[in-house]
C-alpha atoms as a PDB file:
ATOM      1  CA  MET A   1      38.215  21.908  24.961  1.00  0.00           C
ATOM      2  CA  LYS A   2      40.660  20.346  22.526  1.00  0.00           C
ATOM      3  CA  PHE A   3      43.906  22.093  23.324  1.00  0.00           C
ATOM      4  CA  ALA A   4      47.249  21.484  21.516  1.00  0.00           C
ATOM      5  CA  LYS A   5      50.513  22.413  23.044  1.00  0.00           C
ATOM      6  CA  ILE A   6      53.919  23.003  21.470  1.00  0.00           C
ATOM      7  CA  ASP A   7      56.069  20.347  22.936  1.00  0.00           C
ATOM      8  CA  PHE A   8      59.158  22.585  23.478  1.00  0.00           C
ATOM      9  CA  ILE A   9      60.949  23.699  26.606  1.00  0.00           C
ATOM     10  CA  ASN A  10      59.637  27.281  26.116  1.00  0.00           C
ATOM     11  CA  LEU A  11      56.053  26.461  27.152  1.00  0.00           C
ATOM     12  CA  LEU A  12      57.017  24.434  30.277  1.00  0.00           C
ATOM     13  CA  PRO A  13      55.635  27.078  32.723  1.00  0.00           C
ATOM     14  CA  VAL A  14      52.319  27.126  30.827  1.00  0.00           C
ATOM     15  CA  THR A  15      52.196  23.351  30.778  1.00  0.00           C
ATOM     16  CA  VAL A  16      52.854  23.103  34.587  1.00  0.00           C
ATOM     17  CA  TYR A  17      50.198  25.825  35.217  1.00  0.00           C
ATOM     18  CA  MET A  18      47.513  24.128  33.113  1.00  0.00           C
ATOM     19  CA  LYS A  19      48.141  20.701  34.609  1.00  0.00           C
ATOM     20  CA  LYS A  20      47.831  22.251  38.071  1.00  0.00           C
ATOM     21  CA  ASN A  21      44.767  24.293  37.383  1.00  0.00           C
ATOM     22  CA  ILE A  22      42.670  21.996  35.069  1.00  0.00           C
ATOM     23  CA  LYS A  23      40.769  19.608  37.153  1.00  0.00           C
ATOM     24  CA  SER A  24      39.344  17.370  34.462  1.00  0.00           C
ATOM     25  CA  ASN A  25      41.555  14.294  33.848  1.00  0.00           C
ATOM     26  CA  GLN A  26      40.023  13.905  30.479  1.00  0.00           C
ATOM     27  CA  LEU A  27      41.061  17.377  29.491  1.00  0.00           C
ATOM     28  CA  LYS A  28      44.555  16.824  30.883  1.00  0.00           C
ATOM     29  CA  ALA A  29      44.872  13.719  28.697  1.00  0.00           C
ATOM     30  CA  ILE A  30      43.637  15.606  25.590  1.00  0.00           C
ATOM     31  CA  ILE A  31      46.255  18.323  26.202  1.00  0.00           C
ATOM     32  CA  GLU A  32      48.951  15.760  26.625  1.00  0.00           C
ATOM     33  CA  TYR A  33      47.923  13.805  23.524  1.00  0.00           C
ATOM     34  CA  LYS A  34      47.504  16.932  21.293  1.00  0.00           C
ATOM     35  CA  LYS A  35      51.126  17.890  21.407  1.00  0.00           C
ATOM     36  CA  SER A  36      53.524  18.587  18.469  1.00  0.00           C
ATOM     37  CA  TYR A  37      55.750  21.285  16.890  1.00  0.00           C
ATOM     38  CA  PRO A  38      54.547  24.724  15.747  1.00  0.00           C
ATOM     39  CA  SER A  39      54.018  24.254  12.042  1.00  0.00           C
ATOM     40  CA  ALA A  40      52.109  20.967  12.643  1.00  0.00           C
ATOM     41  CA  ILE A  41      49.809  22.559  15.315  1.00  0.00           C
ATOM     42  CA  ASN A  42      49.169  25.444  12.934  1.00  0.00           C
ATOM     43  CA  LYS A  43      47.783  22.957  10.455  1.00  0.00           C
ATOM     44  CA  LYS A  44      45.599  21.225  13.087  1.00  0.00           C
ATOM     45  CA  PHE A  45      44.240  24.586  14.176  1.00  0.00           C
ATOM     46  CA  LYS A  46      43.347  25.734  10.756  1.00  0.00           C
ATOM     47  CA  LYS A  47      41.649  22.456  10.102  1.00  0.00           C
ATOM     48  CA  ARG A  48      39.793  23.026  13.437  1.00  0.00           C
ATOM     49  CA  SER A  49      40.855  19.558  14.742  1.00  0.00           C
ATOM     50  CA  VAL A  50      42.025  21.554  17.754  1.00  0.00           C
ATOM     51  CA  GLU A  51      40.112  24.450  19.434  1.00  0.00           C
ATOM     52  CA  SER A  52      42.883  26.307  21.017  1.00  0.00           C
ATOM     53  CA  ALA A  53      46.665  26.370  20.953  1.00  0.00           C
ATOM     54  CA  PHE A  54      49.763  28.515  21.008  1.00  0.00           C
ATOM     55  CA  ILE A  55      50.016  28.867  17.220  1.00  0.00           C
ATOM     56  CA  SER A  56      52.714  30.663  15.148  1.00  0.00           C
ATOM     57  CA  SER A  57      52.197  34.429  15.073  1.00  0.00           C
ATOM     58  CA  ILE A  58      52.080  34.409  11.347  1.00  0.00           C
ATOM     59  CA  ALA A  59      49.335  31.741  11.469  1.00  0.00           C
ATOM     60  CA  SER A  60      47.365  33.874  14.040  1.00  0.00           C
ATOM     61  CA  ARG A  61      46.414  36.638  11.583  1.00  0.00           C
ATOM     62  CA  GLY A  62      42.631  36.765  11.490  1.00  0.00           C
ATOM     63  CA  GLU A  63      42.242  34.342  14.383  1.00  0.00           C
ATOM     64  CA  LYS A  64      40.711  35.072  17.822  1.00  0.00           C
ATOM     65  CA  SER A  65      43.550  35.275  20.357  1.00  0.00           C
ATOM     66  CA  LEU A  66      44.037  36.042  24.052  1.00  0.00           C
ATOM     67  CA  ASP A  67      46.817  38.405  25.176  1.00  0.00           C
ATOM     68  CA  TYR A  68      49.200  35.530  25.794  1.00  0.00           C
ATOM     69  CA  GLY A  69      52.063  34.336  23.551  1.00  0.00           C
ATOM     70  CA  ILE A  70      55.683  33.217  23.374  1.00  0.00           C
ATOM     71  CA  ILE A  71      57.744  36.413  23.593  1.00  0.00           C
ATOM     72  CA  ALA A  72      61.369  37.366  23.605  1.00  0.00           C
ATOM     73  CA  ARG A  73      62.402  40.875  24.601  1.00  0.00           C
ATOM     74  CA  ASP A  74      66.041  40.411  23.836  1.00  0.00           C
ATOM     75  CA  GLU A  75      67.943  37.326  22.760  1.00  0.00           C
ATOM     76  CA  VAL A  76      65.958  34.024  22.806  1.00  0.00           C
ATOM     77  CA  THR A  77      68.659  31.466  22.132  1.00  0.00           C
ATOM     78  CA  SER A  78      66.212  29.028  20.742  1.00  0.00           C
ATOM     79  CA  VAL A  79      65.631  30.587  17.341  1.00  0.00           C
ATOM     80  CA  LEU A  80      68.832  30.792  15.398  1.00  0.00           C
ATOM     81  CA  LEU A  81      70.073  31.280  11.856  1.00  0.00           C
ATOM     82  CA  VAL A  82      73.396  29.786  10.757  1.00  0.00           C
ATOM     83  CA  PRO A  83      74.560  32.102   7.926  1.00  0.00           C
ATOM     84  CA  GLY A  84      74.816  30.517   4.481  1.00  0.00           C
ATOM     85  CA  VAL A  85      72.238  29.240   1.962  1.00  0.00           C
ATOM     86  CA  TYR A  86      68.607  29.839   3.154  1.00  0.00           C
ATOM     87  CA  SER A  87      67.063  26.728   4.491  1.00  0.00           C
ATOM     88  CA  LYS A  88      63.849  26.749   6.580  1.00  0.00           C
ATOM     89  CA  ASP A  89      63.112  24.625   9.665  1.00  0.00           C
ATOM     90  CA  PHE A  90      60.193  22.344   8.873  1.00  0.00           C
ATOM     91  CA  GLN A  91      58.997  22.719  12.453  1.00  0.00           C
ATOM     92  CA  SER A  92      58.508  26.595  12.135  1.00  0.00           C
ATOM     93  CA  ASP A  93      56.356  29.018  10.310  1.00  0.00           C
ATOM     94  CA  THR A  94      57.022  32.248  12.084  1.00  0.00           C
ATOM     95  CA  SER A  95      60.843  31.972  12.450  1.00  0.00           C
ATOM     96  CA  ASN A  96      61.254  31.125   8.746  1.00  0.00           C
ATOM     97  CA  ALA A  97      59.237  34.253   8.057  1.00  0.00           C
ATOM     98  CA  LEU A  98      61.368  36.256  10.480  1.00  0.00           C
ATOM     99  CA  ALA A  99      64.482  35.358   8.701  1.00  0.00           C
ATOM    100  CA  LYS A 100      63.074  36.647   5.395  1.00  0.00           C
ATOM    101  CA  VAL A 101      61.728  39.771   6.949  1.00  0.00           C
ATOM    102  CA  LEU A 102      65.133  40.542   8.291  1.00  0.00           C
ATOM    103  CA  ASP A 103      66.754  39.808   4.948  1.00  0.00           C
ATOM    104  CA  LEU A 104      69.066  37.130   6.444  1.00  0.00           C
ATOM    105  CA  GLN A 105      70.254  34.166   4.556  1.00  0.00           C
ATOM    106  CA  GLY A 106      71.123  30.837   6.203  1.00  0.00           C
ATOM    107  CA  GLN A 107      69.741  27.765   7.935  1.00  0.00           C
ATOM    108  CA  VAL A 108      66.879  28.471  10.448  1.00  0.00           C
ATOM    109  CA  ILE A 109      66.925  26.284  13.628  1.00  0.00           C
ATOM    110  CA  ILE A 110      64.157  26.551  16.198  1.00  0.00           C
ATOM    111  CA  GLY A 111      63.184  24.867  19.497  1.00  0.00           C
ATOM    112  CA  ASP A 112      65.128  22.646  21.805  1.00  0.00           C
ATOM    113  CA  LYS A 113      67.561  21.593  19.112  1.00  0.00           C
ATOM    114  CA  ALA A 114      68.447  25.296  18.599  1.00  0.00           C
ATOM    115  CA  LEU A 115      68.945  25.826  22.360  1.00  0.00           C
ATOM    116  CA  LYS A 116      71.275  22.868  22.423  1.00  0.00           C
ATOM    117  CA  PHE A 117      73.108  24.266  19.199  1.00  0.00           C
ATOM    118  CA  PHE A 118      73.429  27.559  21.140  1.00  0.00           C
ATOM    119  CA  HIS A 119      75.257  25.989  24.005  1.00  0.00           C
ATOM    120  CA  GLU A 120      77.501  23.733  21.950  1.00  0.00           C
ATOM    121  CA  ASN A 121      78.756  26.087  19.246  1.00  0.00           C
ATOM    122  CA  ASP A 122      80.758  29.268  18.948  1.00  0.00           C
ATOM    123  CA  LYS A 123      78.478  32.301  19.538  1.00  0.00           C
ATOM    124  CA  ASN A 124      79.852  33.942  16.374  1.00  0.00           C
ATOM    125  CA  SER A 125      78.694  30.998  14.220  1.00  0.00           C
ATOM    126  CA  PHE A 126      74.919  31.941  14.349  1.00  0.00           C
ATOM    127  CA  ILE A 127      72.541  34.850  14.599  1.00  0.00           C
ATOM    128  CA  ASP A 128      69.885  34.992  17.324  1.00  0.00           C
ATOM    129  CA  LEU A 129      66.844  36.051  15.282  1.00  0.00           C
ATOM    130  CA  ALA A 130      64.964  37.605  18.263  1.00  0.00           C
ATOM    131  CA  LYS A 131      67.972  39.803  19.009  1.00  0.00           C
ATOM    132  CA  ALA A 132      68.354  40.785  15.299  1.00  0.00           C
ATOM    133  CA  TRP A 133      64.704  41.861  15.353  1.00  0.00           C
ATOM    134  CA  GLN A 134      65.279  43.815  18.633  1.00  0.00           C
ATOM    135  CA  ASP A 135      68.361  45.501  17.266  1.00  0.00           C
ATOM    136  CA  LYS A 136      66.605  46.564  14.080  1.00  0.00           C
ATOM    137  CA  TYR A 137      63.239  47.652  15.432  1.00  0.00           C
ATOM    138  CA  ASN A 138      63.618  48.178  19.232  1.00  0.00           C
ATOM    139  CA  LEU A 139      60.627  45.926  19.879  1.00  0.00           C
ATOM    140  CA  PRO A 140      60.119  42.591  21.463  1.00  0.00           C
ATOM    141  CA  PHE A 141      59.231  39.625  19.196  1.00  0.00           C
ATOM    142  CA  VAL A 142      56.146  37.494  19.528  1.00  0.00           C
ATOM    143  CA  PHE A 143      56.782  33.959  18.133  1.00  0.00           C
ATOM    144  CA  ALA A 144      53.405  32.549  18.942  1.00  0.00           C
ATOM    145  CA  ARG A 145      49.959  33.594  20.222  1.00  0.00           C
ATOM    146  CA  LEU A 146      47.296  31.802  22.261  1.00  0.00           C
ATOM    147  CA  SER A 147      44.511  31.426  19.757  1.00  0.00           C
ATOM    148  CA  TYR A 148      41.172  29.738  19.857  1.00  0.00           C
ATOM    149  CA  ASN A 149      38.274  28.996  17.509  1.00  0.00           C
ATOM    150  CA  LYS A 150      35.891  27.507  20.100  1.00  0.00           C
ATOM    151  CA  ASN A 151      35.452  27.579  23.931  1.00  0.00           C
ATOM    152  CA  GLY A 152      37.138  30.958  24.238  1.00  0.00           C
ATOM    153  CA  LYS A 153      35.396  31.691  27.628  1.00  0.00           C
ATOM    154  CA  LEU A 154      36.721  28.439  29.159  1.00  0.00           C
ATOM    155  CA  LEU A 155      40.221  29.147  27.823  1.00  0.00           C
ATOM    156  CA  ARG A 156      40.139  32.640  29.236  1.00  0.00           C
ATOM    157  CA  LYS A 157      38.989  31.276  32.682  1.00  0.00           C
ATOM    158  CA  THR A 158      41.757  28.629  32.650  1.00  0.00           C
ATOM    159  CA  MET A 159      44.376  31.175  31.918  1.00  0.00           C
ATOM    160  CA  LYS A 160      43.205  34.106  34.029  1.00  0.00           C
ATOM    161  CA  ASN A 161      45.633  33.480  36.992  1.00  0.00           C
ATOM    162  CA  PHE A 162      48.641  32.559  34.945  1.00  0.00           C
ATOM    163  CA  ASN A 163      51.799  34.276  36.028  1.00  0.00           C
ATOM    164  CA  LYS A 164      55.117  32.754  35.062  1.00  0.00           C
ATOM    165  CA  ARG A 165      56.799  34.217  38.156  1.00  0.00           C
ATOM    166  CA  HIS A 166      54.582  32.021  40.376  1.00  0.00           C
ATOM    167  CA  ILE A 167      55.358  28.872  38.505  1.00  0.00           C
ATOM    168  CA  LYS A 168      57.996  26.420  39.792  1.00  0.00           C
ATOM    169  CA  ILE A 169      59.019  23.688  37.470  1.00  0.00           C
ATOM    170  CA  PRO A 170      59.069  20.350  39.302  1.00  0.00           C
ATOM    171  CA  GLN A 171      62.444  18.608  39.376  1.00  0.00           C
ATOM    172  CA  TYR A 172      61.111  15.423  37.652  1.00  0.00           C
ATOM    173  CA  ILE A 173      59.962  17.457  34.682  1.00  0.00           C
ATOM    174  CA  LEU A 174      63.263  19.326  34.451  1.00  0.00           C
ATOM    175  CA  GLU A 175      65.042  15.937  34.607  1.00  0.00           C
ATOM    176  CA  LYS A 176      62.698  14.560  31.827  1.00  0.00           C
ATOM    177  CA  TYR A 177      63.486  17.490  29.513  1.00  0.00           C
ATOM    178  CA  GLU A 178      67.166  17.396  30.442  1.00  0.00           C
ATOM    179  CA  LYS A 179      67.310  13.736  29.333  1.00  0.00           C
ATOM    180  CA  ARG A 180      65.230  14.285  26.170  1.00  0.00           C
ATOM    181  CA  SER A 181      67.010  17.450  24.975  1.00  0.00           C
ATOM    182  CA  GLY A 182      70.489  17.061  26.264  1.00  0.00           C
ATOM    183  CA  ILE A 183      70.305  20.498  27.839  1.00  0.00           C
ATOM    184  CA  SER A 184      71.200  20.797  31.473  1.00  0.00           C
ATOM    185  CA  LYS A 185      68.540  21.687  34.136  1.00  0.00           C
ATOM    186  CA  LYS A 186      70.566  24.877  34.844  1.00  0.00           C
ATOM    187  CA  ASN A 187      70.452  25.943  31.200  1.00  0.00           C
ATOM    188  CA  ILE A 188      66.836  25.139  30.891  1.00  0.00           C
ATOM    189  CA  LEU A 189      65.944  27.421  33.850  1.00  0.00           C
ATOM    190  CA  GLU A 190      68.290  30.132  32.575  1.00  0.00           C
ATOM    191  CA  TYR A 191      66.573  29.943  29.181  1.00  0.00           C
ATOM    192  CA  LEU A 192      63.145  30.286  30.632  1.00  0.00           C
ATOM    193  CA  THR A 193      64.065  33.687  32.148  1.00  0.00           C
ATOM    194  CA  LYS A 194      64.370  34.890  28.621  1.00  0.00           C
ATOM    195  CA  ILE A 195      60.727  33.889  27.661  1.00  0.00           C
ATOM    196  CA  ASP A 196      57.731  35.973  28.560  1.00  0.00           C
ATOM    197  CA  TYR A 197      54.008  35.244  27.878  1.00  0.00           C
ATOM    198  CA  ASP A 198      51.979  38.444  28.449  1.00  0.00           C
ATOM    199  CA  ILE A 199      51.204  40.393  25.340  1.00  0.00           C
ATOM    200  CA  GLY A 200      51.000  44.150  25.998  1.00  0.00           C
ATOM    201  CA  ILE A 201      51.194  47.341  24.079  1.00  0.00           C
ATOM    202  CA  LYS A 202      54.685  46.848  22.773  1.00  0.00           C
ATOM    203  CA  GLU A 203      54.037  43.293  21.709  1.00  0.00           C
ATOM    204  CA  LYS A 204      50.932  44.380  19.836  1.00  0.00           C
ATOM    205  CA  LEU A 205      52.987  46.972  17.956  1.00  0.00           C
ATOM    206  CA  ALA A 206      55.558  44.244  17.285  1.00  0.00           C
ATOM    207  CA  LEU A 207      52.832  41.987  15.815  1.00  0.00           C
ATOM    208  CA  LYS A 208      51.428  44.739  13.762  1.00  0.00           C
ATOM    209  CA  LEU A 209      54.839  45.584  12.234  1.00  0.00           C
ATOM    210  CA  PHE A 210      55.601  41.958  11.595  1.00  0.00           C
ATOM    211  CA  PHE A 211      52.345  41.376   9.781  1.00  0.00           C
ATOM    212  CA  LYS A 212      52.952  44.496   7.700  1.00  0.00           C
ATOM    213  CA  LEU A 213      56.436  43.355   6.765  1.00  0.00           C
ATOM    214  CA  THR A 214      55.390  39.834   5.939  1.00  0.00           C
ATOM    215  CA  LYS A 215      52.552  41.137   3.785  1.00  0.00           C
ATOM    216  CA  GLU A 216      54.869  43.417   1.869  1.00  0.00           C
ATOM    217  CA  LYS A 217      57.139  40.498   1.117  1.00  0.00           C
ATOM    218  CA  GLY A 218      54.222  38.218   0.161  1.00  0.00           C
ATOM    219  CA  ILE A 219      54.949  35.914   3.010  1.00  0.00           C
ATOM    220  CA  LYS A 220      51.889  33.865   4.179  1.00  0.00           C
END
């Protein structure tokens, strides 16, 4: 199974879980090798150079997906918009579309760099896009979905016991991401409490609405 992972802090619980539960060293190596940012992974998935991945929600339309994703039910702190002239984040697809759906103008910032920006800047200087969506539609926002084009049964088996509440991030991994991102271990752990992964009824309603709104605006 060729699996690609988004190499952001928001997927640390999934990364730790998969490393612990996947027995094949070869598969572990593939997962570690096939890592990148969302928009790049979307392209690899569409070209079928990877078989499964958390891909941007907007890229998941028409794809087979499990009921797992990257979900914010209130503020997310890692998907921000700095008001001004519209400027997309090249690493993103869904968040760029979300800003347009919400009719917000400014610079979109996602991922670990956005989380660092959140902690280093005045909270009145940016808009949290997940919170803006929640305030407008009273629904969670699904930024990515776990999709597959091959080996779905193996992926389902691998993920069947995943529960973020049972995952403890080892200190050495926290230290690695702290050093790489410039975000403290305390803030990393606090941030991860804002992220959920299980797609239920409300999340499916949110996806349906997001797809409808993007279609109306001609966003692909």
